[in-house]
Amino acid sequence: MELISSDTDRVRAHTSDEVLRAIDAETKKHVEACAKAPEQIDRRLRELEREWDVERWLEANASTLAFTSAALAWRDRRWLIVPTVVTAFLFQHAVQGWCPPLGVLRRLHIRTRSEIDAEKYALKALRGDFTEIEDAGAGTAAVESLAAFRR
């Protein structure tokens, strides 16, 4: 494993194939459901706008643990170990794209921003948002996302 990951999607690179298949299958299921019921696309897009990505979950959980432990350190200094470990995990995630809580979050199907965006682009393409771009023959992310889900 590299010390500093150069992958553009480091979280996916550190996620098991089984979990990736499950996350991708769930995304595909959502897109296919909207393809059958286009009136649901706007609702699904609103849901995706509110969906927290894995980075946000990691940051929220780490800050909650660190803050709570620091507050408890007033009673017992041994609580200071928790924020030390938590910040070390955050640093590891920043450098390598992996940390121990990541596996748990991914098994809960918490997605990366790029995975959420891929579904959004596919839904917008289904809705016809990119018709002019597709007609011009441009290879946009939205058109490529839709093509991936059509397979």
N, C-alpha and C. Protein backbone atom coordinates (compact mmCIF):
# COMPACT_ATOMS: atom_id res chain seq x y z
N MET A 1 0.84 -1.18 0.00
CA MET A 1 0.00 0.00 0.00
C MET A 1 0.88 1.24 0.00
N GLU A 2 0.49 2.22 -0.80
CA GLU A 2 1.23 3.48 -0.86
C GLU A 2 1.02 4.27 0.42
N LEU A 3 2.05 5.04 0.80
CA LEU A 3 1.90 5.91 1.96
C LEU A 3 0.91 7.02 1.64
N ILE A 4 1.07 7.64 0.48
CA ILE A 4 0.14 8.69 0.06
C ILE A 4 -0.54 8.20 -1.21
N SER A 5 -1.84 8.00 -1.11
CA SER A 5 -2.60 7.49 -2.23
C SER A 5 -2.79 8.57 -3.29
N SER A 6 -2.55 8.22 -4.54
CA SER A 6 -2.74 9.17 -5.63
C SER A 6 -4.05 8.90 -6.38
N ASP A 7 -4.79 7.90 -5.96
CA ASP A 7 -6.07 7.57 -6.58
C ASP A 7 -7.03 8.74 -6.51
N THR A 8 -7.78 8.95 -7.56
CA THR A 8 -8.76 10.02 -7.52
C THR A 8 -9.94 9.66 -6.62
N ASP A 9 -10.23 8.39 -6.46
CA ASP A 9 -11.29 7.96 -5.56
C ASP A 9 -10.71 6.93 -4.59
N ARG A 10 -9.98 7.44 -3.62
CA ARG A 10 -9.24 6.59 -2.69
C ARG A 10 -10.16 5.72 -1.84
N VAL A 11 -11.33 6.20 -1.52
CA VAL A 11 -12.24 5.42 -0.69
C VAL A 11 -12.67 4.16 -1.44
N ARG A 12 -13.04 4.30 -2.71
CA ARG A 12 -13.42 3.12 -3.49
C ARG A 12 -12.25 2.15 -3.62
N ALA A 13 -11.05 2.68 -3.73
CA ALA A 13 -9.87 1.82 -3.85
C ALA A 13 -9.65 0.99 -2.58
N HIS A 14 -10.13 1.48 -1.46
CA HIS A 14 -9.95 0.79 -0.18
C HIS A 14 -11.23 0.10 0.30
N THR A 15 -12.19 -0.06 -0.60
CA THR A 15 -13.45 -0.73 -0.26
C THR A 15 -13.45 -2.10 -0.92
N SER A 16 -13.94 -3.09 -0.19
CA SER A 16 -13.95 -4.45 -0.74
C SER A 16 -14.83 -4.53 -1.98
N ASP A 17 -14.50 -5.47 -2.85
CA ASP A 17 -15.28 -5.65 -4.08
C ASP A 17 -16.74 -5.99 -3.78
N GLU A 18 -16.96 -6.78 -2.73
CA GLU A 18 -18.32 -7.16 -2.34
C GLU A 18 -19.14 -5.93 -1.97
N VAL A 19 -18.56 -5.03 -1.19
CA VAL A 19 -19.27 -3.82 -0.78
C VAL A 19 -19.47 -2.89 -1.97
N LEU A 20 -18.46 -2.77 -2.83
CA LEU A 20 -18.60 -1.94 -4.03
C LEU A 20 -19.74 -2.44 -4.91
N ARG A 21 -19.81 -3.76 -5.11
CA ARG A 21 -20.89 -4.32 -5.93
C ARG A 21 -22.26 -4.01 -5.31
N ALA A 22 -22.36 -4.11 -3.99
CA ALA A 22 -23.64 -3.83 -3.32
C ALA A 22 -24.02 -2.36 -3.45
N ILE A 23 -23.06 -1.47 -3.25
CA ILE A 23 -23.33 -0.03 -3.37
C ILE A 23 -23.73 0.31 -4.80
N ASP A 24 -22.98 -0.22 -5.76
CA ASP A 24 -23.28 0.06 -7.17
C ASP A 24 -24.63 -0.53 -7.59
N ALA A 25 -24.94 -1.71 -7.08
CA ALA A 25 -26.24 -2.34 -7.40
C ALA A 25 -27.39 -1.51 -6.83
N GLU A 26 -27.22 -0.99 -5.64
CA GLU A 26 -28.26 -0.17 -5.03
C GLU A 26 -28.46 1.12 -5.84
N THR A 27 -27.37 1.71 -6.27
CA THR A 27 -27.45 2.92 -7.10
C THR A 27 -28.17 2.62 -8.40
N LYS A 28 -27.79 1.52 -9.03
CA LYS A 28 -28.40 1.13 -10.30
C LYS A 28 -29.90 0.88 -10.11
N LYS A 29 -30.27 0.28 -8.98
CA LYS A 29 -31.68 0.01 -8.68
C LYS A 29 -32.46 1.32 -8.60
N HIS A 30 -31.88 2.34 -7.95
CA HIS A 30 -32.55 3.64 -7.85
C HIS A 30 -32.74 4.28 -9.23
N VAL A 31 -31.71 4.21 -10.06
CA VAL A 31 -31.79 4.81 -11.40
C VAL A 31 -32.82 4.07 -12.24
N GLU A 32 -32.81 2.74 -12.18
CA GLU A 32 -33.77 1.96 -12.96
C GLU A 32 -35.21 2.23 -12.51
N ALA A 33 -35.40 2.39 -11.20
CA ALA A 33 -36.75 2.69 -10.68
C ALA A 33 -37.23 4.03 -11.21
N CYS A 34 -36.33 5.01 -11.27
CA CYS A 34 -36.71 6.32 -11.79
C CYS A 34 -36.91 6.28 -13.30
N ALA A 35 -36.21 5.40 -13.99
CA ALA A 35 -36.41 5.26 -15.43
C ALA A 35 -37.82 4.73 -15.72
N LYS A 36 -38.31 3.87 -14.83
CA LYS A 36 -39.66 3.31 -15.00
C LYS A 36 -40.74 4.29 -14.53
N ALA A 37 -40.37 5.18 -13.61
CA ALA A 37 -41.33 6.16 -13.08
C ALA A 37 -40.66 7.53 -13.07
N PRO A 38 -40.54 8.17 -14.23
CA PRO A 38 -39.83 9.44 -14.34
C PRO A 38 -40.35 10.54 -13.42
N GLU A 39 -41.58 10.44 -12.98
CA GLU A 39 -42.12 11.46 -12.07
C GLU A 39 -41.41 11.42 -10.71
N GLN A 40 -40.67 10.36 -10.44
CA GLN A 40 -39.94 10.22 -9.17
C GLN A 40 -38.54 10.83 -9.21
N ILE A 41 -38.08 11.25 -10.38
CA ILE A 41 -36.71 11.75 -10.52
C ILE A 41 -36.47 12.97 -9.64
N ASP A 42 -37.37 13.94 -9.66
CA ASP A 42 -37.17 15.15 -8.85
C ASP A 42 -37.09 14.83 -7.36
N ARG A 43 -37.95 13.93 -6.89
CA ARG A 43 -37.93 13.53 -5.48
C ARG A 43 -36.59 12.88 -5.13
N ARG A 44 -36.14 11.99 -6.01
CA ARG A 44 -34.88 11.29 -5.76
C ARG A 44 -33.70 12.27 -5.77
N LEU A 45 -33.73 13.24 -6.68
CA LEU A 45 -32.66 14.24 -6.71
C LEU A 45 -32.63 15.06 -5.42
N ARG A 46 -33.79 15.38 -4.88
CA ARG A 46 -33.84 16.10 -3.59
C ARG A 46 -33.24 15.25 -2.47
N GLU A 47 -33.53 13.95 -2.49
CA GLU A 47 -32.95 13.03 -1.49
C GLU A 47 -31.43 13.01 -1.62
N LEU A 48 -30.95 12.97 -2.84
CA LEU A 48 -29.50 12.91 -3.06
C LEU A 48 -28.81 14.20 -2.61
N GLU A 49 -29.49 15.33 -2.72
CA GLU A 49 -28.93 16.60 -2.25
C GLU A 49 -28.73 16.59 -0.74
N ARG A 50 -29.56 15.83 -0.04
CA ARG A 50 -29.47 15.77 1.42
C ARG A 50 -28.59 14.62 1.92
N GLU A 51 -28.21 13.71 1.03
CA GLU A 51 -27.44 12.53 1.44
C GLU A 51 -26.03 12.93 1.87
N TRP A 52 -25.63 12.47 3.03
CA TRP A 52 -24.28 12.71 3.53
C TRP A 52 -23.32 11.73 2.87
N ASP A 53 -22.17 12.21 2.43
CA ASP A 53 -21.16 11.32 1.88
C ASP A 53 -20.28 10.78 3.02
N VAL A 54 -19.43 9.83 2.68
CA VAL A 54 -18.61 9.15 3.68
C VAL A 54 -17.66 10.13 4.39
N GLU A 55 -17.17 11.13 3.68
CA GLU A 55 -16.28 12.12 4.31
C GLU A 55 -17.02 12.88 5.41
N ARG A 56 -18.25 13.27 5.11
CA ARG A 56 -19.02 14.02 6.11
C ARG A 56 -19.31 13.16 7.33
N TRP A 57 -19.65 11.89 7.11
CA TRP A 57 -19.89 10.98 8.22
C TRP A 57 -18.63 10.82 9.07
N LEU A 58 -17.48 10.64 8.42
CA LEU A 58 -16.23 10.50 9.17
C LEU A 58 -15.95 11.74 9.99
N GLU A 59 -16.09 12.91 9.38
CA GLU A 59 -15.82 14.17 10.08
C GLU A 59 -16.76 14.37 11.26
N ALA A 60 -18.05 14.10 11.05
CA ALA A 60 -19.03 14.30 12.13
C ALA A 60 -18.78 13.34 13.29
N ASN A 61 -18.53 12.08 12.97
CA ASN A 61 -18.29 11.11 14.04
C ASN A 61 -16.98 11.39 14.77
N ALA A 62 -15.94 11.74 14.02
CA ALA A 62 -14.65 12.02 14.65
C ALA A 62 -14.73 13.24 15.56
N SER A 63 -15.37 14.29 15.10
CA SER A 63 -15.46 15.50 15.93
C SER A 63 -16.33 15.26 17.15
N THR A 64 -17.38 14.47 17.02
CA THR A 64 -18.23 14.15 18.17
C THR A 64 -17.44 13.36 19.22
N LEU A 65 -16.71 12.35 18.76
CA LEU A 65 -15.90 11.55 19.69
C LEU A 65 -14.81 12.38 20.35
N ALA A 66 -14.12 13.18 19.55
CA ALA A 66 -13.02 13.99 20.08
C ALA A 66 -13.54 15.02 21.09
N PHE A 67 -14.62 15.70 20.76
CA PHE A 67 -15.17 16.71 21.65
C PHE A 67 -15.68 16.09 22.95
N THR A 68 -16.43 15.01 22.83
CA THR A 68 -16.96 14.34 24.02
C THR A 68 -15.84 13.84 24.93
N SER A 69 -14.84 13.24 24.33
CA SER A 69 -13.71 12.73 25.11
C SER A 69 -12.93 13.85 25.77
N ALA A 70 -12.73 14.94 25.05
CA ALA A 70 -12.03 16.08 25.64
C ALA A 70 -12.82 16.65 26.82
N ALA A 71 -14.14 16.68 26.69
CA ALA A 71 -14.97 17.17 27.79
C ALA A 71 -14.88 16.22 28.99
N LEU A 72 -14.85 14.92 28.73
CA LEU A 72 -14.75 13.95 29.81
C LEU A 72 -13.37 13.95 30.47
N ALA A 73 -12.38 14.48 29.78
CA ALA A 73 -11.02 14.53 30.32
C ALA A 73 -10.93 15.42 31.56
N TRP A 74 -11.91 16.29 31.75
CA TRP A 74 -11.93 17.10 32.98
C TRP A 74 -12.07 16.20 34.20
N ARG A 75 -12.75 15.06 34.02
CA ARG A 75 -12.96 14.12 35.13
C ARG A 75 -11.82 13.11 35.23
N ASP A 76 -11.33 12.67 34.07
CA ASP A 76 -10.28 11.65 34.05
C ASP A 76 -9.42 11.87 32.81
N ARG A 77 -8.15 12.17 33.02
CA ARG A 77 -7.25 12.53 31.91
C ARG A 77 -7.05 11.39 30.91
N ARG A 78 -7.37 10.17 31.30
CA ARG A 78 -7.20 9.04 30.37
C ARG A 78 -8.12 9.18 29.14
N TRP A 79 -9.19 9.97 29.26
CA TRP A 79 -10.08 10.21 28.12
C TRP A 79 -9.35 10.91 26.97
N LEU A 80 -8.22 11.53 27.24
CA LEU A 80 -7.48 12.22 26.19
C LEU A 80 -6.89 11.27 25.14
N ILE A 81 -6.87 9.99 25.46
CA ILE A 81 -6.41 8.99 24.48
C ILE A 81 -7.35 8.96 23.28
N VAL A 82 -8.65 9.08 23.52
CA VAL A 82 -9.65 8.97 22.44
C VAL A 82 -9.44 10.04 21.37
N PRO A 83 -9.35 11.35 21.72
CA PRO A 83 -9.13 12.32 20.65
C PRO A 83 -7.78 12.14 19.94
N THR A 84 -6.82 11.62 20.65
CA THR A 84 -5.52 11.35 20.01
C THR A 84 -5.66 10.27 18.94
N VAL A 85 -6.35 9.20 19.28
CA VAL A 85 -6.56 8.10 18.32
C VAL A 85 -7.44 8.57 17.16
N VAL A 86 -8.50 9.30 17.48
CA VAL A 86 -9.44 9.77 16.46
C VAL A 86 -8.73 10.68 15.46
N THR A 87 -7.95 11.63 15.94
CA THR A 87 -7.25 12.53 15.02
C THR A 87 -6.19 11.79 14.22
N ALA A 88 -5.58 10.77 14.81
CA ALA A 88 -4.63 9.95 14.04
C ALA A 88 -5.34 9.23 12.90
N PHE A 89 -6.55 8.72 13.17
CA PHE A 89 -7.33 8.06 12.12
C PHE A 89 -7.72 9.05 11.02
N LEU A 90 -8.11 10.26 11.41
CA LEU A 90 -8.44 11.28 10.41
C LEU A 90 -7.25 11.62 9.54
N PHE A 91 -6.08 11.73 10.17
CA PHE A 91 -4.87 12.01 9.39
C PHE A 91 -4.57 10.85 8.44
N GLN A 92 -4.70 9.63 8.93
CA GLN A 92 -4.48 8.46 8.09
C GLN A 92 -5.43 8.48 6.89
N HIS A 93 -6.68 8.83 7.14
CA HIS A 93 -7.65 8.90 6.05
C HIS A 93 -7.26 10.00 5.06
N ALA A 94 -6.82 11.14 5.55
CA ALA A 94 -6.43 12.24 4.66
C ALA A 94 -5.25 11.85 3.78
N VAL A 95 -4.32 11.09 4.33
CA VAL A 95 -3.11 10.73 3.59
C VAL A 95 -3.32 9.50 2.70
N GLN A 96 -3.98 8.48 3.23
CA GLN A 96 -4.10 7.22 2.51
C GLN A 96 -5.49 6.95 1.92
N GLY A 97 -6.49 7.66 2.40
CA GLY A 97 -7.85 7.39 1.94
C GLY A 97 -8.49 6.23 2.66
N TRP A 98 -7.89 5.81 3.78
CA TRP A 98 -8.44 4.70 4.55
C TRP A 98 -8.25 4.97 6.03
N CYS A 99 -9.18 4.51 6.83
CA CYS A 99 -9.04 4.50 8.29
C CYS A 99 -10.00 3.42 8.80
N PRO A 100 -9.80 2.92 10.01
CA PRO A 100 -10.62 1.80 10.50
C PRO A 100 -12.14 2.02 10.43
N PRO A 101 -12.68 3.20 10.77
CA PRO A 101 -14.14 3.34 10.68
C PRO A 101 -14.68 3.29 9.25
N LEU A 102 -13.84 3.49 8.28
CA LEU A 102 -14.29 3.52 6.88
C LEU A 102 -14.97 2.21 6.48
N GLY A 103 -14.40 1.09 6.89
CA GLY A 103 -14.99 -0.21 6.55
C GLY A 103 -16.40 -0.36 7.06
N VAL A 104 -16.64 0.12 8.27
CA VAL A 104 -17.97 0.05 8.87
C VAL A 104 -18.94 0.94 8.08
N LEU A 105 -18.52 2.16 7.80
CA LEU A 105 -19.39 3.09 7.06
C LEU A 105 -19.72 2.56 5.67
N ARG A 106 -18.74 1.98 5.01
CA ARG A 106 -18.98 1.47 3.65
C ARG A 106 -19.92 0.26 3.68
N ARG A 107 -19.80 -0.58 4.70
CA ARG A 107 -20.72 -1.73 4.81
C ARG A 107 -22.15 -1.26 5.11
N LEU A 108 -22.27 -0.05 5.64
CA LEU A 108 -23.60 0.55 5.84
C LEU A 108 -24.08 1.27 4.58
N HIS A 109 -23.31 1.11 3.48
CA HIS A 109 -23.61 1.70 2.17
C HIS A 109 -23.56 3.22 2.18
N ILE A 110 -22.69 3.78 3.00
CA ILE A 110 -22.44 5.21 2.97
C ILE A 110 -21.54 5.45 1.76
N ARG A 111 -22.01 6.31 0.85
CA ARG A 111 -21.33 6.48 -0.44
C ARG A 111 -20.38 7.68 -0.45
N THR A 112 -19.48 7.66 -1.42
CA THR A 112 -18.59 8.79 -1.65
C THR A 112 -19.35 9.87 -2.40
N ARG A 113 -18.82 11.07 -2.42
CA ARG A 113 -19.45 12.16 -3.17
C ARG A 113 -19.52 11.79 -4.65
N SER A 114 -18.49 11.16 -5.19
CA SER A 114 -18.52 10.82 -6.62
C SER A 114 -19.57 9.75 -6.91
N GLU A 115 -19.83 8.84 -5.98
CA GLU A 115 -20.88 7.84 -6.18
C GLU A 115 -22.26 8.49 -6.15
N ILE A 116 -22.45 9.42 -5.24
CA ILE A 116 -23.72 10.15 -5.18
C ILE A 116 -23.90 10.97 -6.45
N ASP A 117 -22.84 11.66 -6.87
CA ASP A 117 -22.91 12.49 -8.07
C ASP A 117 -23.18 11.67 -9.33
N ALA A 118 -22.64 10.45 -9.39
CA ALA A 118 -22.88 9.60 -10.56
C ALA A 118 -24.38 9.30 -10.69
N GLU A 119 -25.02 9.02 -9.56
CA GLU A 119 -26.48 8.79 -9.61
C GLU A 119 -27.21 10.06 -10.00
N LYS A 120 -26.80 11.19 -9.45
CA LYS A 120 -27.45 12.46 -9.80
C LYS A 120 -27.32 12.74 -11.29
N TYR A 121 -26.13 12.56 -11.85
CA TYR A 121 -25.93 12.82 -13.28
C TYR A 121 -26.77 11.88 -14.13
N ALA A 122 -26.84 10.60 -13.72
CA ALA A 122 -27.64 9.64 -14.48
C ALA A 122 -29.12 10.03 -14.45
N LEU A 123 -29.61 10.47 -13.29
CA LEU A 123 -31.01 10.88 -13.18
C LEU A 123 -31.29 12.14 -14.00
N LYS A 124 -30.36 13.08 -13.96
CA LYS A 124 -30.54 14.30 -14.74
C LYS A 124 -30.51 14.00 -16.23
N ALA A 125 -29.67 13.05 -16.62
CA ALA A 125 -29.64 12.66 -18.04
C ALA A 125 -30.95 11.98 -18.43
N LEU A 126 -31.48 11.14 -17.54
CA LEU A 126 -32.79 10.52 -17.79
C LEU A 126 -33.88 11.56 -17.96
N ARG A 127 -33.79 12.61 -17.15
CA ARG A 127 -34.79 13.67 -17.18
C ARG A 127 -34.65 14.53 -18.44
N GLY A 128 -33.50 14.42 -19.11
CA GLY A 128 -33.28 15.16 -20.34
C GLY A 128 -32.50 16.45 -20.16
N ASP A 129 -31.88 16.63 -19.01
CA ASP A 129 -31.14 17.87 -18.74
C ASP A 129 -29.96 18.07 -19.69
N PHE A 130 -29.43 16.99 -20.24
CA PHE A 130 -28.21 17.09 -21.03
C PHE A 130 -28.44 16.75 -22.49
N THR A 131 -29.67 16.87 -22.94
CA THR A 131 -30.00 16.51 -24.31
C THR A 131 -29.17 17.27 -25.32
N GLU A 132 -29.02 18.58 -25.12
CA GLU A 132 -28.24 19.38 -26.06
C GLU A 132 -26.78 18.94 -26.08
N ILE A 133 -26.25 18.60 -24.93
CA ILE A 133 -24.86 18.16 -24.85
C ILE A 133 -24.71 16.82 -25.55
N GLU A 134 -25.64 15.90 -25.29
CA GLU A 134 -25.58 14.57 -25.89
C GLU A 134 -25.73 14.68 -27.40
N ASP A 135 -26.61 15.57 -27.87
CA ASP A 135 -26.81 15.75 -29.30
C ASP A 135 -25.54 16.29 -29.97
N ALA A 136 -24.77 17.07 -29.23
CA ALA A 136 -23.54 17.64 -29.78
C ALA A 136 -22.42 16.62 -29.80
N GLY A 137 -22.64 15.45 -29.17
CA GLY A 137 -21.63 14.40 -29.18
C GLY A 137 -20.56 14.57 -28.12
N ALA A 138 -20.76 15.45 -27.16
CA ALA A 138 -19.77 15.65 -26.11
C ALA A 138 -19.82 14.49 -25.13
N GLY A 139 -18.66 14.04 -24.67
CA GLY A 139 -18.57 12.95 -23.70
C GLY A 139 -18.57 13.49 -22.29
N THR A 140 -19.72 13.88 -21.80
CA THR A 140 -19.79 14.46 -20.45
C THR A 140 -19.92 13.35 -19.41
N ALA A 141 -19.65 13.71 -18.17
CA ALA A 141 -19.79 12.76 -17.07
C ALA A 141 -21.24 12.28 -16.96
N ALA A 142 -22.18 13.16 -17.20
CA ALA A 142 -23.59 12.79 -17.08
C ALA A 142 -23.96 11.74 -18.12
N VAL A 143 -23.55 11.96 -19.34
CA VAL A 143 -23.88 11.02 -20.41
C VAL A 143 -23.18 9.69 -20.16
N GLU A 144 -21.93 9.74 -19.71
CA GLU A 144 -21.19 8.51 -19.41
C GLU A 144 -21.82 7.78 -18.24
N SER A 145 -22.31 8.51 -17.23
CA SER A 145 -22.97 7.87 -16.09
C SER A 145 -24.23 7.15 -16.54
N LEU A 146 -25.02 7.81 -17.36
CA LEU A 146 -26.25 7.19 -17.85
C LEU A 146 -25.92 5.95 -18.67
N ALA A 147 -24.91 6.04 -19.51
CA ALA A 147 -24.51 4.90 -20.31
C ALA A 147 -24.10 3.72 -19.44
N ALA A 148 -23.40 4.00 -18.35
CA ALA A 148 -22.98 2.94 -17.42
C ALA A 148 -24.18 2.27 -16.79
N PHE A 149 -25.23 3.03 -16.45
CA PHE A 149 -26.40 2.45 -15.82
C PHE A 149 -27.29 1.73 -16.81
N ARG A 150 -27.18 2.06 -18.10
CA ARG A 150 -27.98 1.38 -19.11
C ARG A 150 -27.46 -0.02 -19.40
N ARG A 151 -26.21 -0.27 -19.03
CA ARG A 151 -25.61 -1.59 -19.31
C ARG A 151 -26.22 -2.67 -18.47
